[in-house]
PDB file of N, CA and C in Angstrom:
ATOM      1  N   MET A   1     -13.543   3.996  -0.953  1.00  0.00           N
ATOM      2  CA  MET A   1     -12.827   2.728  -1.093  1.00  0.00           C
ATOM      3  C   MET A   1     -11.340   2.994  -0.945  1.00  0.00           C
ATOM      4  N   ALA A   2     -10.697   2.261  -0.100  1.00  0.00           N
ATOM      5  CA  ALA A   2      -9.254   2.359   0.090  1.00  0.00           C
ATOM      6  C   ALA A   2      -8.599   1.113  -0.494  1.00  0.00           C
ATOM      7  N   TYR A   3      -7.319   1.164  -0.601  1.00  0.00           N
ATOM      8  CA  TYR A   3      -6.554   0.007  -1.057  1.00  0.00           C
ATOM      9  C   TYR A   3      -6.161  -0.830   0.154  1.00  0.00           C
ATOM     10  N   VAL A   4      -5.913  -2.120  -0.060  1.00  0.00           N
ATOM     11  CA  VAL A   4      -5.461  -3.029   0.986  1.00  0.00           C
ATOM     12  C   VAL A   4      -4.247  -3.792   0.482  1.00  0.00           C
ATOM     13  N   ILE A   5      -3.457  -4.279   1.422  1.00  0.00           N
ATOM     14  CA  ILE A   5      -2.251  -5.043   1.098  1.00  0.00           C
ATOM     15  C   ILE A   5      -2.469  -6.475   1.578  1.00  0.00           C
ATOM     16  N   ASN A   6      -2.242  -7.443   0.696  1.00  0.00           N
ATOM     17  CA  ASN A   6      -2.463  -8.841   1.072  1.00  0.00           C
ATOM     18  C   ASN A   6      -1.159  -9.527   1.478  1.00  0.00           C
ATOM     19  N   GLU A   7      -1.242 -10.820   1.717  1.00  0.00           N
ATOM     20  CA  GLU A   7      -0.107 -11.604   2.228  1.00  0.00           C
ATOM     21  C   GLU A   7       1.043 -11.757   1.238  1.00  0.00           C
ATOM     22  N   ASP A   8       0.874 -11.299   0.009  1.00  0.00           N
ATOM     23  CA  ASP A   8       1.978 -11.331  -0.957  1.00  0.00           C
ATOM     24  C   ASP A   8       2.995 -10.220  -0.702  1.00  0.00           C
ATOM     25  N   CYS A   9       2.704  -9.339   0.246  1.00  0.00           N
ATOM     26  CA  CYS A   9       3.606  -8.233   0.589  1.00  0.00           C
ATOM     27  C   CYS A   9       4.945  -8.787   1.082  1.00  0.00           C
ATOM     28  N   ILE A  10       6.033  -8.236   0.538  1.00  0.00           N
ATOM     29  CA  ILE A  10       7.375  -8.647   0.960  1.00  0.00           C
ATOM     30  C   ILE A  10       8.058  -7.554   1.788  1.00  0.00           C
ATOM     31  N   ALA A  11       7.301  -6.544   2.183  1.00  0.00           N
ATOM     32  CA  ALA A  11       7.800  -5.451   3.031  1.00  0.00           C
ATOM     33  C   ALA A  11       9.049  -4.798   2.450  1.00  0.00           C
ATOM     34  N   CYS A  12       9.014  -4.521   1.157  1.00  0.00           N
ATOM     35  CA  CYS A  12      10.177  -3.943   0.480  1.00  0.00           C
ATOM     36  C   CYS A  12      10.268  -2.430   0.625  1.00  0.00           C
ATOM     37  N   GLY A  13       9.138  -1.776   0.957  1.00  0.00           N
ATOM     38  CA  GLY A  13       9.144  -0.333   1.158  1.00  0.00           C
ATOM     39  C   GLY A  13       8.829   0.500  -0.069  1.00  0.00           C
ATOM     40  N   THR A  14       8.672  -0.126  -1.214  1.00  0.00           N
ATOM     41  CA  THR A  14       8.404   0.613  -2.441  1.00  0.00           C
ATOM     42  C   THR A  14       7.116   1.418  -2.332  1.00  0.00           C
ATOM     43  N   CYS A  15       6.081   0.832  -1.792  1.00  0.00           N
ATOM     44  CA  CYS A  15       4.790   1.523  -1.678  1.00  0.00           C
ATOM     45  C   CYS A  15       4.876   2.720  -0.739  1.00  0.00           C
ATOM     46  N   ILE A  16       5.616   2.577   0.351  1.00  0.00           N
ATOM     47  CA  ILE A  16       5.768   3.679   1.303  1.00  0.00           C
ATOM     48  C   ILE A  16       6.445   4.859   0.626  1.00  0.00           C
ATOM     49  N   ASP A  17       7.462   4.582  -0.164  1.00  0.00           N
ATOM     50  CA  ASP A  17       8.181   5.643  -0.863  1.00  0.00           C
ATOM     51  C   ASP A  17       7.295   6.363  -1.872  1.00  0.00           C
ATOM     52  N   GLU A  18       6.316   5.672  -2.436  1.00  0.00           N
ATOM     53  CA  GLU A  18       5.466   6.240  -3.475  1.00  0.00           C
ATOM     54  C   GLU A  18       4.192   6.900  -2.959  1.00  0.00           C
ATOM     55  N   CYS A  19       3.736   6.558  -1.780  1.00  0.00           N
ATOM     56  CA  CYS A  19       2.457   7.083  -1.268  1.00  0.00           C
ATOM     57  C   CYS A  19       2.556   8.587  -1.004  1.00  0.00           C
ATOM     58  N   PRO A  20       1.745   9.389  -1.701  1.00  0.00           N
ATOM     59  CA  PRO A  20       1.833  10.848  -1.534  1.00  0.00           C
ATOM     60  C   PRO A  20       1.212  11.374  -0.237  1.00  0.00           C
ATOM     61  N   VAL A  21       0.451  10.540   0.473  1.00  0.00           N
ATOM     62  CA  VAL A  21      -0.207  10.997   1.706  1.00  0.00           C
ATOM     63  C   VAL A  21       0.254  10.230   2.938  1.00  0.00           C
ATOM     64  N   ASN A  22       1.308   9.450   2.816  1.00  0.00           N
ATOM     65  CA  ASN A  22       1.870   8.695   3.948  1.00  0.00           C
ATOM     66  C   ASN A  22       0.828   7.852   4.664  1.00  0.00           C
ATOM     67  N   ALA A  23       0.036   7.114   3.892  1.00  0.00           N
ATOM     68  CA  ALA A  23      -1.040   6.301   4.457  1.00  0.00           C
ATOM     69  C   ALA A  23      -0.616   4.863   4.761  1.00  0.00           C
ATOM     70  N   ILE A  24       0.632   4.522   4.512  1.00  0.00           N
ATOM     71  CA  ILE A  24       1.087   3.142   4.659  1.00  0.00           C
ATOM     72  C   ILE A  24       2.037   3.024   5.847  1.00  0.00           C
ATOM     73  N   SER A  25       1.814   2.005   6.680  1.00  0.00           N
ATOM     74  CA  SER A  25       2.688   1.771   7.827  1.00  0.00           C
ATOM     75  C   SER A  25       3.428   0.451   7.655  1.00  0.00           C
ATOM     76  N   GLU A  26       4.624   0.405   8.234  1.00  0.00           N
ATOM     77  CA  GLU A  26       5.475  -0.768   8.115  1.00  0.00           C
ATOM     78  C   GLU A  26       5.051  -1.868   9.077  1.00  0.00           C
ATOM     79  N   GLY A  27       5.464  -3.085   8.747  1.00  0.00           N
ATOM     80  CA  GLY A  27       5.223  -4.265   9.565  1.00  0.00           C
ATOM     81  C   GLY A  27       5.645  -5.476   8.756  1.00  0.00           C
ATOM     82  N   ASP A  28       5.366  -6.670   9.258  1.00  0.00           N
ATOM     83  CA  ASP A  28       5.672  -7.875   8.479  1.00  0.00           C
ATOM     84  C   ASP A  28       4.929  -7.830   7.147  1.00  0.00           C
ATOM     85  N   ILE A  29       3.683  -7.407   7.214  1.00  0.00           N
ATOM     86  CA  ILE A  29       2.893  -7.074   6.032  1.00  0.00           C
ATOM     87  C   ILE A  29       2.462  -5.631   6.244  1.00  0.00           C
ATOM     88  N   TYR A  30       2.766  -4.774   5.303  1.00  0.00           N
ATOM     89  CA  TYR A  30       2.423  -3.365   5.453  1.00  0.00           C
ATOM     90  C   TYR A  30       0.912  -3.187   5.498  1.00  0.00           C
ATOM     91  N   LYS A  31       0.473  -2.085   6.083  1.00  0.00           N
ATOM     92  CA  LYS A  31      -0.959  -1.787   6.190  1.00  0.00           C
ATOM     93  C   LYS A  31      -1.225  -0.389   5.649  1.00  0.00           C
ATOM     94  N   ILE A  32      -2.412  -0.229   5.039  1.00  0.00           N
ATOM     95  CA  ILE A  32      -2.837   1.063   4.524  1.00  0.00           C
ATOM     96  C   ILE A  32      -3.952   1.593   5.416  1.00  0.00           C
ATOM     97  N   ASP A  33      -3.793   2.808   5.895  1.00  0.00           N
ATOM     98  CA  ASP A  33      -4.816   3.458   6.711  1.00  0.00           C
ATOM     99  C   ASP A  33      -5.950   3.892   5.782  1.00  0.00           C
ATOM    100  N   PRO A  34      -7.127   3.273   5.906  1.00  0.00           N
ATOM    101  CA  PRO A  34      -8.229   3.598   4.994  1.00  0.00           C
ATOM    102  C   PRO A  34      -8.724   5.032   5.120  1.00  0.00           C
ATOM    103  N   ASP A  35      -8.525   5.654   6.293  1.00  0.00           N
ATOM    104  CA  ASP A  35      -8.954   7.035   6.477  1.00  0.00           C
ATOM    105  C   ASP A  35      -7.999   8.021   5.805  1.00  0.00           C
ATOM    106  N   ALA A  36      -6.744   7.641   5.665  1.00  0.00           N
ATOM    107  CA  ALA A  36      -5.755   8.522   5.042  1.00  0.00           C
ATOM    108  C   ALA A  36      -5.616   8.272   3.544  1.00  0.00           C
ATOM    109  N   CYS A  37      -5.930   7.062   3.099  1.00  0.00           N
ATOM    110  CA  CYS A  37      -5.785   6.689   1.692  1.00  0.00           C
ATOM    111  C   CYS A  37      -6.711   7.527   0.809  1.00  0.00           C
ATOM    112  N   THR A  38      -6.162   8.054  -0.278  1.00  0.00           N
ATOM    113  CA  THR A  38      -6.953   8.868  -1.210  1.00  0.00           C
ATOM    114  C   THR A  38      -7.322   8.096  -2.470  1.00  0.00           C
ATOM    115  N   ASP A  39      -7.077   6.795  -2.490  1.00  0.00           N
ATOM    116  CA  ASP A  39      -7.436   5.929  -3.624  1.00  0.00           C
ATOM    117  C   ASP A  39      -6.736   6.309  -4.923  1.00  0.00           C
ATOM    118  N   CYS A  40      -5.530   6.842  -4.827  1.00  0.00           N
ATOM    119  CA  CYS A  40      -4.828   7.269  -6.042  1.00  0.00           C
ATOM    120  C   CYS A  40      -4.257   6.083  -6.819  1.00  0.00           C
ATOM    121  N   GLY A  41      -3.973   4.960  -6.129  1.00  0.00           N
ATOM    122  CA  GLY A  41      -3.455   3.772  -6.796  1.00  0.00           C
ATOM    123  C   GLY A  41      -1.964   3.766  -7.041  1.00  0.00           C
ATOM    124  N   THR A  42      -1.272   4.795  -6.609  1.00  0.00           N
ATOM    125  CA  THR A  42       0.174   4.876  -6.820  1.00  0.00           C
ATOM    126  C   THR A  42       0.900   3.704  -6.171  1.00  0.00           C
ATOM    127  N   CYS A  43       0.457   3.317  -4.991  1.00  0.00           N
ATOM    128  CA  CYS A  43       1.093   2.206  -4.282  1.00  0.00           C
ATOM    129  C   CYS A  43       0.920   0.904  -5.057  1.00  0.00           C
ATOM    130  N   ALA A  44      -0.272   0.677  -5.578  1.00  0.00           N
ATOM    131  CA  ALA A  44      -0.539  -0.548  -6.338  1.00  0.00           C
ATOM    132  C   ALA A  44       0.305  -0.596  -7.605  1.00  0.00           C
ATOM    133  N   ASP A  45       0.448   0.529  -8.263  1.00  0.00           N
ATOM    134  CA  ASP A  45       1.268   0.589  -9.476  1.00  0.00           C
ATOM    135  C   ASP A  45       2.732   0.297  -9.174  1.00  0.00           C
ATOM    136  N   ALA A  46       3.191   0.704  -7.996  1.00  0.00           N
ATOM    137  CA  ALA A  46       4.603   0.541  -7.633  1.00  0.00           C
ATOM    138  C   ALA A  46       4.939  -0.827  -7.056  1.00  0.00           C
ATOM    139  N   CYS A  47       3.942  -1.559  -6.555  1.00  0.00           N
ATOM    140  CA  CYS A  47       4.191  -2.814  -5.849  1.00  0.00           C
ATOM    141  C   CYS A  47       4.757  -3.894  -6.786  1.00  0.00           C
ATOM    142  N   PRO A  48       5.953  -4.407  -6.485  1.00  0.00           N
ATOM    143  CA  PRO A  48       6.566  -5.419  -7.356  1.00  0.00           C
ATOM    144  C   PRO A  48       5.916  -6.798  -7.272  1.00  0.00           C
ATOM    145  N   THR A  49       5.127  -7.055  -6.219  1.00  0.00           N
ATOM    146  CA  THR A  49       4.501  -8.361  -6.070  1.00  0.00           C
ATOM    147  C   THR A  49       2.988  -8.318  -6.303  1.00  0.00           C
ATOM    148  N   GLU A  50       2.476  -7.167  -6.711  1.00  0.00           N
ATOM    149  CA  GLU A  50       1.046  -6.973  -6.950  1.00  0.00           C
ATOM    150  C   GLU A  50       0.212  -7.354  -5.729  1.00  0.00           C
ATOM    151  N   ALA A  51       0.721  -6.973  -4.548  1.00  0.00           N
ATOM    152  CA  ALA A  51       0.062  -7.303  -3.290  1.00  0.00           C
ATOM    153  C   ALA A  51      -0.969  -6.262  -2.867  1.00  0.00           C
ATOM    154  N   ILE A  52      -1.101  -5.186  -3.627  1.00  0.00           N
ATOM    155  CA  ILE A  52      -1.998  -4.094  -3.244  1.00  0.00           C
ATOM    156  C   ILE A  52      -3.169  -4.031  -4.209  1.00  0.00           C
ATOM    157  N   HIS A  53      -4.385  -4.038  -3.634  1.00  0.00           N
ATOM    158  CA  HIS A  53      -5.612  -4.066  -4.432  1.00  0.00           C
ATOM    159  C   HIS A  53      -6.661  -3.144  -3.823  1.00  0.00           C
ATOM    160  N   PRO A  54      -7.609  -2.671  -4.634  1.00  0.00           N
ATOM    161  CA  PRO A  54      -8.730  -1.915  -4.059  1.00  0.00           C
ATOM    162  C   PRO A  54      -9.519  -2.800  -3.101  1.00  0.00           C
ATOM    163  N   ALA A  55      -9.982  -2.209  -2.025  1.00  0.00           N
ATOM    164  CA  ALA A  55     -10.760  -2.961  -1.027  1.00  0.00           C
ATOM    165  C   ALA A  55     -12.138  -3.278  -1.563  1.00  0.00           C
TER     166      ALA A  55
END
């Protein structure tokens, strides 16, 4: 199970800075690569808008 980012994403970059495996890519709404994600939850904990959830 990987994490996903929903439409509440404000593209602030906080999750990218926190991801230990660089699984997040930038865009209007950031995306998490499910193959690279290790399900650590660090990105979800860091997200100020709670836009990141387990898939």
